[in-house]
Amino acid sequence: MKHIDARIYSGKTNFEWKDLKVNPEGLLPVIVQDYIDRTVLLYTHMNEDAWNKTLSTGLFTYFSHAHNRSVVKGKKYGNCQYVREIFLNAEKDALLVKVYRTGPKDDKKSCFFNEIEEI
C-alpha cells in the first residue's frame, strides 16, 4: 500500500472564529469527510473552543451535545482524525473538514449508514 502523507494541519486559516456565522447557541455546522476516499464521515458542530483546539492540535475536535463540551473525535478509541484541509462555505455558516483517520477502524466508517428505502 502506498504511504499516505498524514501531516498535522498547520493551524493557519485566512479567517477567524469571529468571522464565522454561528447559530444562536454559538455552534457552527461541520461536515467531516475522509481525505483519501471522500466518504462523508459525519455531521457535527463546533464551538469556539473546539475550533481553537482543532487548529492548535491538528486533531479534529467537535462540540459534544451529550457531554456539553469539546471532544477530540476518536481519542477514546485510538482512531483519531487528523485535519488535512478546511473549507468554509460562501455564507460563512458551515465548514467542510477533510481528515485522515488513524488507528482501528470500526465496521461503520460513516455515520450515514442508515439507508432510506423507497416505499
PDB file of N, CA and C in Angstrom:
ATOM      1  N   MET A   1       0.841  -1.184   0.000  1.00  0.00           N
ATOM      2  CA  MET A   1       0.000   0.000   0.000  1.00  0.00           C
ATOM      3  C   MET A   1       0.882   1.242   0.000  1.00  0.00           C
ATOM      4  N   LYS A   2       0.486   2.208  -0.755  1.00  0.00           N
ATOM      5  CA  LYS A   2       1.228   3.457  -0.848  1.00  0.00           C
ATOM      6  C   LYS A   2       1.132   4.237   0.464  1.00  0.00           C
ATOM      7  N   HIS A   3       2.256   4.793   0.903  1.00  0.00           N
ATOM      8  CA  HIS A   3       2.278   5.606   2.121  1.00  0.00           C
ATOM      9  C   HIS A   3       1.478   6.889   1.883  1.00  0.00           C
ATOM     10  N   ILE A   4       0.646   7.226   2.838  1.00  0.00           N
ATOM     11  CA  ILE A   4      -0.161   8.435   2.755  1.00  0.00           C
ATOM     12  C   ILE A   4       0.438   9.485   3.691  1.00  0.00           C
ATOM     13  N   ASP A   5       0.652  10.665   3.178  1.00  0.00           N
ATOM     14  CA  ASP A   5       1.178  11.758   3.978  1.00  0.00           C
ATOM     15  C   ASP A   5       0.088  12.213   4.945  1.00  0.00           C
ATOM     16  N   ALA A   6       0.318  12.070   6.225  1.00  0.00           N
ATOM     17  CA  ALA A   6      -0.695  12.411   7.223  1.00  0.00           C
ATOM     18  C   ALA A   6      -0.216  13.511   8.162  1.00  0.00           C
ATOM     19  N   ARG A   7       0.474  14.483   7.622  1.00  0.00           N
ATOM     20  CA  ARG A   7       0.943  15.586   8.457  1.00  0.00           C
ATOM     21  C   ARG A   7      -0.223  16.293   9.123  1.00  0.00           C
ATOM     22  N   ILE A   8       0.029  16.803  10.287  1.00  0.00           N
ATOM     23  CA  ILE A   8      -0.987  17.553  11.007  1.00  0.00           C
ATOM     24  C   ILE A   8      -1.209  18.901  10.322  1.00  0.00           C
ATOM     25  N   TYR A   9      -2.434  19.320  10.291  1.00  0.00           N
ATOM     26  CA  TYR A   9      -2.823  20.606   9.716  1.00  0.00           C
ATOM     27  C   TYR A   9      -2.004  21.721  10.336  1.00  0.00           C
ATOM     28  N   SER A  10      -1.642  22.695   9.555  1.00  0.00           N
ATOM     29  CA  SER A  10      -0.767  23.778  10.025  1.00  0.00           C
ATOM     30  C   SER A  10      -1.429  24.700  11.044  1.00  0.00           C
ATOM     31  N   GLY A  11      -2.744  24.689  11.102  1.00  0.00           N
ATOM     32  CA  GLY A  11      -3.452  25.557  12.037  1.00  0.00           C
ATOM     33  C   GLY A  11      -3.642  26.973  11.534  1.00  0.00           C
ATOM     34  N   LYS A  12      -3.217  27.242  10.322  1.00  0.00           N
ATOM     35  CA  LYS A  12      -3.338  28.582   9.762  1.00  0.00           C
ATOM     36  C   LYS A  12      -4.583  28.668   8.883  1.00  0.00           C
ATOM     37  N   THR A  13      -5.343  29.727   9.053  1.00  0.00           N
ATOM     38  CA  THR A  13      -6.519  29.961   8.211  1.00  0.00           C
ATOM     39  C   THR A  13      -6.533  31.426   7.788  1.00  0.00           C
ATOM     40  N   ASN A  14      -7.305  31.703   6.761  1.00  0.00           N
ATOM     41  CA  ASN A  14      -7.444  33.092   6.320  1.00  0.00           C
ATOM     42  C   ASN A  14      -8.717  33.717   6.900  1.00  0.00           C
ATOM     43  N   PHE A  15      -9.265  33.105   7.939  1.00  0.00           N
ATOM     44  CA  PHE A  15     -10.411  33.662   8.646  1.00  0.00           C
ATOM     45  C   PHE A  15     -10.326  33.249  10.110  1.00  0.00           C
ATOM     46  N   GLU A  16     -11.036  33.976  10.942  1.00  0.00           N
ATOM     47  CA  GLU A  16     -11.038  33.712  12.378  1.00  0.00           C
ATOM     48  C   GLU A  16     -12.444  33.334  12.819  1.00  0.00           C
ATOM     49  N   TRP A  17     -12.564  32.791  14.015  1.00  0.00           N
ATOM     50  CA  TRP A  17     -13.856  32.376  14.551  1.00  0.00           C
ATOM     51  C   TRP A  17     -14.859  33.526  14.503  1.00  0.00           C
ATOM     52  N   LYS A  18     -14.427  34.727  14.842  1.00  0.00           N
ATOM     53  CA  LYS A  18     -15.335  35.884  14.868  1.00  0.00           C
ATOM     54  C   LYS A  18     -15.903  36.205  13.491  1.00  0.00           C
ATOM     55  N   ASP A  19     -15.262  35.711  12.416  1.00  0.00           N
ATOM     56  CA  ASP A  19     -15.731  35.941  11.052  1.00  0.00           C
ATOM     57  C   ASP A  19     -16.835  34.973  10.643  1.00  0.00           C
ATOM     58  N   LEU A  20     -17.041  33.930  11.436  1.00  0.00           N
ATOM     59  CA  LEU A  20     -17.996  32.879  11.081  1.00  0.00           C
ATOM     60  C   LEU A  20     -19.379  33.201  11.619  1.00  0.00           C
ATOM     61  N   LYS A  21     -20.391  32.728  10.907  1.00  0.00           N
ATOM     62  CA  LYS A  21     -21.779  32.956  11.315  1.00  0.00           C
ATOM     63  C   LYS A  21     -22.269  31.713  12.045  1.00  0.00           C
ATOM     64  N   VAL A  22     -22.235  31.788  13.369  1.00  0.00           N
ATOM     65  CA  VAL A  22     -22.657  30.658  14.193  1.00  0.00           C
ATOM     66  C   VAL A  22     -24.144  30.766  14.506  1.00  0.00           C
ATOM     67  N   ASN A  23     -24.730  29.644  14.942  1.00  0.00           N
ATOM     68  CA  ASN A  23     -26.150  29.659  15.296  1.00  0.00           C
ATOM     69  C   ASN A  23     -26.325  30.320  16.676  1.00  0.00           C
ATOM     70  N   PRO A  24     -27.565  30.504  17.131  1.00  0.00           N
ATOM     71  CA  PRO A  24     -27.786  31.185  18.420  1.00  0.00           C
ATOM     72  C   PRO A  24     -27.094  30.516  19.614  1.00  0.00           C
ATOM     73  N   GLU A  25     -26.788  29.221  19.510  1.00  0.00           N
ATOM     74  CA  GLU A  25     -26.098  28.516  20.596  1.00  0.00           C
ATOM     75  C   GLU A  25     -24.577  28.663  20.492  1.00  0.00           C
ATOM     76  N   GLY A  26     -24.111  29.407  19.483  1.00  0.00           N
ATOM     77  CA  GLY A  26     -22.676  29.595  19.300  1.00  0.00           C
ATOM     78  C   GLY A  26     -22.000  28.430  18.608  1.00  0.00           C
ATOM     79  N   LEU A  27     -22.773  27.650  17.853  1.00  0.00           N
ATOM     80  CA  LEU A  27     -22.252  26.469  17.167  1.00  0.00           C
ATOM     81  C   LEU A  27     -22.239  26.656  15.659  1.00  0.00           C
ATOM     82  N   LEU A  28     -21.281  25.993  15.028  1.00  0.00           N
ATOM     83  CA  LEU A  28     -21.125  26.037  13.579  1.00  0.00           C
ATOM     84  C   LEU A  28     -21.266  24.614  13.034  1.00  0.00           C
ATOM     85  N   PRO A  29     -22.157  24.373  12.063  1.00  0.00           N
ATOM     86  CA  PRO A  29     -22.279  23.043  11.467  1.00  0.00           C
ATOM     87  C   PRO A  29     -20.991  22.649  10.733  1.00  0.00           C
ATOM     88  N   VAL A  30     -20.634  21.363  10.853  1.00  0.00           N
ATOM     89  CA  VAL A  30     -19.419  20.843  10.229  1.00  0.00           C
ATOM     90  C   VAL A  30     -19.714  19.502   9.573  1.00  0.00           C
ATOM     91  N   ILE A  31     -19.299  19.372   8.320  1.00  0.00           N
ATOM     92  CA  ILE A  31     -19.331  18.083   7.636  1.00  0.00           C
ATOM     93  C   ILE A  31     -17.894  17.588   7.611  1.00  0.00           C
ATOM     94  N   VAL A  32     -17.688  16.347   8.043  1.00  0.00           N
ATOM     95  CA  VAL A  32     -16.350  15.758   8.086  1.00  0.00           C
ATOM     96  C   VAL A  32     -16.265  14.697   6.999  1.00  0.00           C
ATOM     97  N   GLN A  33     -15.216  14.790   6.193  1.00  0.00           N
ATOM     98  CA  GLN A  33     -15.036  13.910   5.039  1.00  0.00           C
ATOM     99  C   GLN A  33     -13.664  13.241   5.107  1.00  0.00           C
ATOM    100  N   ASP A  34     -13.602  11.962   4.700  1.00  0.00           N
ATOM    101  CA  ASP A  34     -12.335  11.251   4.618  1.00  0.00           C
ATOM    102  C   ASP A  34     -11.484  11.872   3.519  1.00  0.00           C
ATOM    103  N   TYR A  35     -10.259  12.232   3.841  1.00  0.00           N
ATOM    104  CA  TYR A  35      -9.359  12.890   2.896  1.00  0.00           C
ATOM    105  C   TYR A  35      -8.981  11.974   1.743  1.00  0.00           C
ATOM    106  N   ILE A  36      -8.901  10.666   2.000  1.00  0.00           N
ATOM    107  CA  ILE A  36      -8.442   9.713   0.999  1.00  0.00           C
ATOM    108  C   ILE A  36      -9.550   9.308   0.034  1.00  0.00           C
ATOM    109  N   ASP A  37     -10.647   8.776   0.561  1.00  0.00           N
ATOM    110  CA  ASP A  37     -11.677   8.234  -0.341  1.00  0.00           C
ATOM    111  C   ASP A  37     -12.932   9.107  -0.446  1.00  0.00           C
ATOM    112  N   ARG A  38     -12.940  10.237   0.238  1.00  0.00           N
ATOM    113  CA  ARG A  38     -14.007  11.241   0.164  1.00  0.00           C
ATOM    114  C   ARG A  38     -15.336  10.802   0.771  1.00  0.00           C
ATOM    115  N   THR A  39     -15.339   9.736   1.541  1.00  0.00           N
ATOM    116  CA  THR A  39     -16.552   9.323   2.243  1.00  0.00           C
ATOM    117  C   THR A  39     -16.935  10.395   3.257  1.00  0.00           C
ATOM    118  N   VAL A  40     -18.222  10.744   3.307  1.00  0.00           N
ATOM    119  CA  VAL A  40     -18.695  11.658   4.340  1.00  0.00           C
ATOM    120  C   VAL A  40     -18.782  10.855   5.628  1.00  0.00           C
ATOM    121  N   LEU A  41     -18.006  11.256   6.629  1.00  0.00           N
ATOM    122  CA  LEU A  41     -17.910  10.501   7.872  1.00  0.00           C
ATOM    123  C   LEU A  41     -18.965  10.908   8.890  1.00  0.00           C
ATOM    124  N   LEU A  42     -19.188  12.204   9.033  1.00  0.00           N
ATOM    125  CA  LEU A  42     -20.184  12.631   9.999  1.00  0.00           C
ATOM    126  C   LEU A  42     -20.574  14.082   9.792  1.00  0.00           C
ATOM    127  N   TYR A  43     -21.676  14.428  10.432  1.00  0.00           N
ATOM    128  CA  TYR A  43     -22.163  15.802  10.509  1.00  0.00           C
ATOM    129  C   TYR A  43     -22.185  16.132  11.990  1.00  0.00           C
ATOM    130  N   THR A  44     -21.581  17.241  12.354  1.00  0.00           N
ATOM    131  CA  THR A  44     -21.494  17.609  13.762  1.00  0.00           C
ATOM    132  C   THR A  44     -21.439  19.127  13.878  1.00  0.00           C
ATOM    133  N   HIS A  45     -21.057  19.610  15.022  1.00  0.00           N
ATOM    134  CA  HIS A  45     -20.926  21.051  15.255  1.00  0.00           C
ATOM    135  C   HIS A  45     -19.615  21.351  15.974  1.00  0.00           C
ATOM    136  N   MET A  46     -19.164  22.585  15.802  1.00  0.00           N
ATOM    137  CA  MET A  46     -18.019  23.103  16.551  1.00  0.00           C
ATOM    138  C   MET A  46     -18.468  24.330  17.321  1.00  0.00           C
ATOM    139  N   ASN A  47     -17.891  24.491  18.510  1.00  0.00           N
ATOM    140  CA  ASN A  47     -17.997  25.763  19.200  1.00  0.00           C
ATOM    141  C   ASN A  47     -16.621  26.422  19.114  1.00  0.00           C
ATOM    142  N   GLU A  48     -16.461  27.587  19.698  1.00  0.00           N
ATOM    143  CA  GLU A  48     -15.178  28.284  19.576  1.00  0.00           C
ATOM    144  C   GLU A  48     -14.039  27.486  20.202  1.00  0.00           C
ATOM    145  N   ASP A  49     -14.311  26.825  21.315  1.00  0.00           N
ATOM    146  CA  ASP A  49     -13.281  26.014  21.965  1.00  0.00           C
ATOM    147  C   ASP A  49     -12.834  24.869  21.056  1.00  0.00           C
ATOM    148  N   ALA A  50     -13.780  24.178  20.445  1.00  0.00           N
ATOM    149  CA  ALA A  50     -13.444  23.073  19.535  1.00  0.00           C
ATOM    150  C   ALA A  50     -12.658  23.597  18.335  1.00  0.00           C
ATOM    151  N   TRP A  51     -13.037  24.749  17.837  1.00  0.00           N
ATOM    152  CA  TRP A  51     -12.318  25.389  16.724  1.00  0.00           C
ATOM    153  C   TRP A  51     -10.858  25.635  17.100  1.00  0.00           C
ATOM    154  N   ASN A  52     -10.659  26.262  18.254  1.00  0.00           N
ATOM    155  CA  ASN A  52      -9.299  26.581  18.692  1.00  0.00           C
ATOM    156  C   ASN A  52      -8.465  25.324  18.938  1.00  0.00           C
ATOM    157  N   LYS A  53      -9.059  24.309  19.530  1.00  0.00           N
ATOM    158  CA  LYS A  53      -8.330  23.063  19.777  1.00  0.00           C
ATOM    159  C   LYS A  53      -7.991  22.352  18.475  1.00  0.00           C
ATOM    160  N   THR A  54      -8.915  22.372  17.529  1.00  0.00           N
ATOM    161  CA  THR A  54      -8.652  21.754  16.228  1.00  0.00           C
ATOM    162  C   THR A  54      -7.466  22.432  15.549  1.00  0.00           C
ATOM    163  N   LEU A  55      -7.462  23.752  15.545  1.00  0.00           N
ATOM    164  CA  LEU A  55      -6.375  24.481  14.890  1.00  0.00           C
ATOM    165  C   LEU A  55      -5.047  24.314  15.613  1.00  0.00           C
ATOM    166  N   SER A  56      -5.079  24.253  16.929  1.00  0.00           N
ATOM    167  CA  SER A  56      -3.817  24.184  17.678  1.00  0.00           C
ATOM    168  C   SER A  56      -3.219  22.780  17.712  1.00  0.00           C
ATOM    169  N   THR A  57      -4.063  21.736  17.637  1.00  0.00           N
ATOM    170  CA  THR A  57      -3.549  20.363  17.739  1.00  0.00           C
ATOM    171  C   THR A  57      -3.505  19.634  16.407  1.00  0.00           C
ATOM    172  N   GLY A  58      -4.355  20.051  15.455  1.00  0.00           N
ATOM    173  CA  GLY A  58      -4.467  19.325  14.192  1.00  0.00           C
ATOM    174  C   GLY A  58      -5.382  18.116  14.283  1.00  0.00           C
ATOM    175  N   LEU A  59      -5.905  17.843  15.468  1.00  0.00           N
ATOM    176  CA  LEU A  59      -6.859  16.741  15.664  1.00  0.00           C
ATOM    177  C   LEU A  59      -8.271  17.305  15.601  1.00  0.00           C
ATOM    178  N   PHE A  60      -9.138  16.655  14.808  1.00  0.00           N
ATOM    179  CA  PHE A  60     -10.499  17.166  14.692  1.00  0.00           C
ATOM    180  C   PHE A  60     -11.193  17.089  16.041  1.00  0.00           C
ATOM    181  N   THR A  61     -11.686  18.235  16.485  1.00  0.00           N
ATOM    182  CA  THR A  61     -12.376  18.361  17.763  1.00  0.00           C
ATOM    183  C   THR A  61     -13.753  18.946  17.490  1.00  0.00           C
ATOM    184  N   TYR A  62     -14.767  18.383  18.120  1.00  0.00           N
ATOM    185  CA  TYR A  62     -16.137  18.834  17.893  1.00  0.00           C
ATOM    186  C   TYR A  62     -16.816  19.139  19.219  1.00  0.00           C
ATOM    187  N   PHE A  63     -17.975  19.774  19.152  1.00  0.00           N
ATOM    188  CA  PHE A  63     -18.761  20.035  20.345  1.00  0.00           C
ATOM    189  C   PHE A  63     -19.716  18.873  20.554  1.00  0.00           C
ATOM    190  N   SER A  64     -19.613  18.227  21.700  1.00  0.00           N
ATOM    191  CA  SER A  64     -20.497  17.114  22.041  1.00  0.00           C
ATOM    192  C   SER A  64     -21.697  17.639  22.806  1.00  0.00           C
ATOM    193  N   HIS A  65     -22.876  17.476  22.220  1.00  0.00           N
ATOM    194  CA  HIS A  65     -24.105  17.876  22.922  1.00  0.00           C
ATOM    195  C   HIS A  65     -24.307  17.003  24.150  1.00  0.00           C
ATOM    196  N   ALA A  66     -23.984  15.723  24.052  1.00  0.00           N
ATOM    197  CA  ALA A  66     -24.175  14.788  25.157  1.00  0.00           C
ATOM    198  C   ALA A  66     -23.315  15.135  26.369  1.00  0.00           C
ATOM    199  N   HIS A  67     -22.090  15.601  26.112  1.00  0.00           N
ATOM    200  CA  HIS A  67     -21.174  15.931  27.211  1.00  0.00           C
ATOM    201  C   HIS A  67     -21.088  17.434  27.482  1.00  0.00           C
ATOM    202  N   ASN A  68     -21.715  18.229  26.620  1.00  0.00           N
ATOM    203  CA  ASN A  68     -21.720  19.686  26.729  1.00  0.00           C
ATOM    204  C   ASN A  68     -20.302  20.264  26.814  1.00  0.00           C
ATOM    205  N   ARG A  69     -19.405  19.710  25.967  1.00  0.00           N
ATOM    206  CA  ARG A  69     -18.018  20.192  25.931  1.00  0.00           C
ATOM    207  C   ARG A  69     -17.370  19.755  24.623  1.00  0.00           C
ATOM    208  N   SER A  70     -16.179  20.271  24.389  1.00  0.00           N
ATOM    209  CA  SER A  70     -15.417  19.878  23.209  1.00  0.00           C
ATOM    210  C   SER A  70     -14.786  18.509  23.425  1.00  0.00           C
ATOM    211  N   VAL A  71     -14.776  17.701  22.353  1.00  0.00           N
ATOM    212  CA  VAL A  71     -14.243  16.343  22.413  1.00  0.00           C
ATOM    213  C   VAL A  71     -13.392  16.092  21.173  1.00  0.00           C
ATOM    214  N   VAL A  72     -12.213  15.483  21.369  1.00  0.00           N
ATOM    215  CA  VAL A  72     -11.374  15.092  20.238  1.00  0.00           C
ATOM    216  C   VAL A  72     -11.986  13.833  19.635  1.00  0.00           C
ATOM    217  N   LYS A  73     -12.352  13.905  18.364  1.00  0.00           N
ATOM    218  CA  LYS A  73     -13.001  12.782  17.692  1.00  0.00           C
ATOM    219  C   LYS A  73     -12.064  11.576  17.651  1.00  0.00           C
ATOM    220  N   GLY A  74     -12.537  10.439  18.189  1.00  0.00           N
ATOM    221  CA  GLY A  74     -11.805   9.180  18.130  1.00  0.00           C
ATOM    222  C   GLY A  74     -10.766   8.973  19.204  1.00  0.00           C
ATOM    223  N   LYS A  75     -10.503   9.954  20.040  1.00  0.00           N
ATOM    224  CA  LYS A  75      -9.440   9.839  21.042  1.00  0.00           C
ATOM    225  C   LYS A  75      -9.687   8.678  22.002  1.00  0.00           C
ATOM    226  N   LYS A  76     -10.923   8.485  22.395  1.00  0.00           N
ATOM    227  CA  LYS A  76     -11.267   7.436  23.355  1.00  0.00           C
ATOM    228  C   LYS A  76     -10.906   6.049  22.829  1.00  0.00           C
ATOM    229  N   TYR A  77     -11.042   5.832  21.521  1.00  0.00           N
ATOM    230  CA  TYR A  77     -10.816   4.509  20.937  1.00  0.00           C
ATOM    231  C   TYR A  77      -9.538   4.421  20.101  1.00  0.00           C
ATOM    232  N   GLY A  78      -8.755   5.491  20.076  1.00  0.00           N
ATOM    233  CA  GLY A  78      -7.478   5.464  19.375  1.00  0.00           C
ATOM    234  C   GLY A  78      -7.572   5.570  17.866  1.00  0.00           C
ATOM    235  N   ASN A  79      -8.694   6.057  17.359  1.00  0.00           N
ATOM    236  CA  ASN A  79      -8.822   6.252  15.909  1.00  0.00           C
ATOM    237  C   ASN A  79      -9.090   7.725  15.614  1.00  0.00           C
ATOM    238  N   CYS A  80      -8.070   8.520  15.875  1.00  0.00           N
ATOM    239  CA  CYS A  80      -8.175   9.979  15.728  1.00  0.00           C
ATOM    240  C   CYS A  80      -8.299  10.388  14.265  1.00  0.00           C
ATOM    241  N   GLN A  81      -8.775  11.593  14.094  1.00  0.00           N
ATOM    242  CA  GLN A  81      -8.927  12.166  12.765  1.00  0.00           C
ATOM    243  C   GLN A  81      -8.045  13.405  12.674  1.00  0.00           C
ATOM    244  N   TYR A  82      -6.981  13.291  11.875  1.00  0.00           N
ATOM    245  CA  TYR A  82      -6.052  14.403  11.676  1.00  0.00           C
ATOM    246  C   TYR A  82      -6.560  15.294  10.548  1.00  0.00           C
ATOM    247  N   VAL A  83      -6.667  16.577  10.825  1.00  0.00           N
ATOM    248  CA  VAL A  83      -7.190  17.538   9.855  1.00  0.00           C
ATOM    249  C   VAL A  83      -6.173  17.749   8.737  1.00  0.00           C
ATOM    250  N   ARG A  84      -6.646  17.632   7.518  1.00  0.00           N
ATOM    251  CA  ARG A  84      -5.814  17.886   6.338  1.00  0.00           C
ATOM    252  C   ARG A  84      -6.208  19.171   5.630  1.00  0.00           C
ATOM    253  N   GLU A  85      -7.516  19.416   5.519  1.00  0.00           N
ATOM    254  CA  GLU A  85      -7.999  20.619   4.833  1.00  0.00           C
ATOM    255  C   GLU A  85      -9.280  21.103   5.498  1.00  0.00           C
ATOM    256  N   ILE A  86      -9.485  22.412   5.475  1.00  0.00           N
ATOM    257  CA  ILE A  86     -10.715  23.018   5.993  1.00  0.00           C
ATOM    258  C   ILE A  86     -11.251  23.966   4.925  1.00  0.00           C
ATOM    259  N   PHE A  87     -12.542  23.845   4.651  1.00  0.00           N
ATOM    260  CA  PHE A  87     -13.201  24.710   3.671  1.00  0.00           C
ATOM    261  C   PHE A  87     -14.388  25.395   4.336  1.00  0.00           C
ATOM    262  N   LEU A  88     -14.554  26.664   4.049  1.00  0.00           N
ATOM    263  CA  LEU A  88     -15.667  27.460   4.547  1.00  0.00           C
ATOM    264  C   LEU A  88     -16.614  27.715   3.391  1.00  0.00           C
ATOM    265  N   ASN A  89     -17.920  27.554   3.618  1.00  0.00           N
ATOM    266  CA  ASN A  89     -18.868  27.808   2.531  1.00  0.00           C
ATOM    267  C   ASN A  89     -19.007  29.314   2.281  1.00  0.00           C
ATOM    268  N   ALA A  90     -19.692  29.661   1.209  1.00  0.00           N
ATOM    269  CA  ALA A  90     -19.802  31.062   0.781  1.00  0.00           C
ATOM    270  C   ALA A  90     -20.514  31.937   1.809  1.00  0.00           C
ATOM    271  N   GLU A  91     -21.473  31.377   2.527  1.00  0.00           N
ATOM    272  CA  GLU A  91     -22.225  32.149   3.519  1.00  0.00           C
ATOM    273  C   GLU A  91     -21.483  32.267   4.852  1.00  0.00           C
ATOM    274  N   LYS A  92     -20.366  31.563   4.991  1.00  0.00           N
ATOM    275  CA  LYS A  92     -19.551  31.531   6.213  1.00  0.00           C
ATOM    276  C   LYS A  92     -20.321  30.985   7.406  1.00  0.00           C
ATOM    277  N   ASP A  93     -21.228  30.010   7.120  1.00  0.00           N
ATOM    278  CA  ASP A  93     -22.001  29.435   8.217  1.00  0.00           C
ATOM    279  C   ASP A  93     -21.899  27.909   8.300  1.00  0.00           C
ATOM    280  N   ALA A  94     -20.923  27.321   7.612  1.00  0.00           N
ATOM    281  CA  ALA A  94     -20.701  25.872   7.681  1.00  0.00           C
ATOM    282  C   ALA A  94     -19.287  25.553   7.198  1.00  0.00           C
ATOM    283  N   LEU A  95     -18.728  24.472   7.738  1.00  0.00           N
ATOM    284  CA  LEU A  95     -17.393  24.026   7.354  1.00  0.00           C
ATOM    285  C   LEU A  95     -17.428  22.626   6.756  1.00  0.00           C
ATOM    286  N   LEU A  96     -16.488  22.379   5.870  1.00  0.00           N
ATOM    287  CA  LEU A  96     -16.163  21.038   5.402  1.00  0.00           C
ATOM    288  C   LEU A  96     -14.742  20.792   5.882  1.00  0.00           C
ATOM    289  N   VAL A  97     -14.562  19.737   6.675  1.00  0.00           N
ATOM    290  CA  VAL A  97     -13.243  19.403   7.200  1.00  0.00           C
ATOM    291  C   VAL A  97     -12.849  18.042   6.643  1.00  0.00           C
ATOM    292  N   LYS A  98     -11.730  17.995   5.938  1.00  0.00           N
ATOM    293  CA  LYS A  98     -11.219  16.742   5.396  1.00  0.00           C
ATOM    294  C   LYS A  98     -10.164  16.210   6.358  1.00  0.00           C
ATOM    295  N   VAL A  99     -10.315  14.935   6.739  1.00  0.00           N
ATOM    296  CA  VAL A  99      -9.454  14.344   7.761  1.00  0.00           C
ATOM    297  C   VAL A  99      -8.804  13.056   7.275  1.00  0.00           C
ATOM    298  N   TYR A 100      -7.683  12.739   7.904  1.00  0.00           N
ATOM    299  CA  TYR A 100      -7.006  11.461   7.694  1.00  0.00           C
ATOM    300  C   TYR A 100      -7.189  10.661   8.970  1.00  0.00           C
ATOM    301  N   ARG A 101      -7.823   9.498   8.847  1.00  0.00           N
ATOM    302  CA  ARG A 101      -8.136   8.666  10.012  1.00  0.00           C
ATOM    303  C   ARG A 101      -6.995   7.708  10.321  1.00  0.00           C
ATOM    304  N   THR A 102      -6.735   7.516  11.607  1.00  0.00           N
ATOM    305  CA  THR A 102      -5.712   6.566  12.040  1.00  0.00           C
ATOM    306  C   THR A 102      -6.306   5.588  13.032  1.00  0.00           C
ATOM    307  N   GLY A 103      -5.548   4.548  13.339  1.00  0.00           N
ATOM    308  CA  GLY A 103      -5.959   3.596  14.366  1.00  0.00           C
ATOM    309  C   GLY A 103      -6.980   2.612  13.875  1.00  0.00           C
ATOM    310  N   PRO A 104      -7.568   1.867  14.812  1.00  0.00           N
ATOM    311  CA  PRO A 104      -8.541   0.838  14.437  1.00  0.00           C
ATOM    312  C   PRO A 104      -9.772   1.443  13.786  1.00  0.00           C
ATOM    313  N   LYS A 105     -10.247   0.782  12.771  1.00  0.00           N
ATOM    314  CA  LYS A 105     -11.447   1.243  12.071  1.00  0.00           C
ATOM    315  C   LYS A 105     -12.621   0.361  12.505  1.00  0.00           C
ATOM    316  N   ASP A 106     -13.765   0.989  12.681  1.00  0.00           N
ATOM    317  CA  ASP A 106     -14.944   0.199  13.020  1.00  0.00           C
ATOM    318  C   ASP A 106     -15.683  -0.208  11.752  1.00  0.00           C
ATOM    319  N   ASP A 107     -16.683  -1.049  11.918  1.00  0.00           N
ATOM    320  CA  ASP A 107     -17.435  -1.545  10.768  1.00  0.00           C
ATOM    321  C   ASP A 107     -18.173  -0.435  10.036  1.00  0.00           C
ATOM    322  N   LYS A 108     -18.601   0.557  10.757  1.00  0.00           N
ATOM    323  CA  LYS A 108     -19.369   1.655  10.169  1.00  0.00           C
ATOM    324  C   LYS A 108     -18.472   2.887  10.082  1.00  0.00           C
ATOM    325  N   LYS A 109     -17.819   3.039   8.952  1.00  0.00           N
ATOM    326  CA  LYS A 109     -16.885   4.147   8.747  1.00  0.00           C
ATOM    327  C   LYS A 109     -17.603   5.491   8.830  1.00  0.00           C
ATOM    328  N   SER A 110     -18.794   5.553   8.277  1.00  0.00           N
ATOM    329  CA  SER A 110     -19.565   6.784   8.224  1.00  0.00           C
ATOM    330  C   SER A 110     -20.751   6.693   9.172  1.00  0.00           C
ATOM    331  N   CYS A 111     -21.181   7.833   9.692  1.00  0.00           N
ATOM    332  CA  CYS A 111     -22.400   7.835  10.499  1.00  0.00           C
ATOM    333  C   CYS A 111     -23.640   7.780   9.602  1.00  0.00           C
ATOM    334  N   PHE A 112     -23.431   7.874   8.290  1.00  0.00           N
ATOM    335  CA  PHE A 112     -24.529   7.818   7.331  1.00  0.00           C
ATOM    336  C   PHE A 112     -24.641   6.410   6.753  1.00  0.00           C
ATOM    337  N   PHE A 113     -25.042   5.452   7.588  1.00  0.00           N
ATOM    338  CA  PHE A 113     -25.160   4.075   7.136  1.00  0.00           C
ATOM    339  C   PHE A 113     -26.605   3.589   7.106  1.00  0.00           C
ATOM    340  N   ASN A 114     -27.528   4.404   7.600  1.00  0.00           N
ATOM    341  CA  ASN A 114     -28.943   4.032   7.594  1.00  0.00           C
ATOM    342  C   ASN A 114     -29.564   4.497   6.268  1.00  0.00           C
ATOM    343  N   GLU A 115     -29.657   3.587   5.329  1.00  0.00           N
ATOM    344  CA  GLU A 115     -30.231   3.937   4.033  1.00  0.00           C
ATOM    345  C   GLU A 115     -31.742   4.077   4.132  1.00  0.00           C
ATOM    346  N   ILE A 116     -32.260   5.127   3.537  1.00  0.00           N
ATOM    347  CA  ILE A 116     -33.702   5.316   3.486  1.00  0.00           C
ATOM    348  C   ILE A 116     -34.193   4.626   2.227  1.00  0.00           C
ATOM    349  N   GLU A 117     -35.020   3.625   2.424  1.00  0.00           N
ATOM    350  CA  GLU A 117     -35.502   2.839   1.295  1.00  0.00           C
ATOM    351  C   GLU A 117     -36.768   3.435   0.709  1.00  0.00           C
ATOM    352  N   GLU A 118     -36.870   3.274  -0.580  1.00  0.00           N
ATOM    353  CA  GLU A 118     -38.068   3.738  -1.266  1.00  0.00           C
ATOM    354  C   GLU A 118     -39.225   2.805  -0.918  1.00  0.00           C
ATOM    355  N   ILE A 119     -40.391   3.392  -0.592  1.00  0.00           N
ATOM    356  CA  ILE A 119     -41.560   2.568  -0.272  1.00  0.00           C
ATOM    357  C   ILE A 119     -42.685   2.797  -1.233  1.00  0.00           C
TER     358      ILE A 119
END
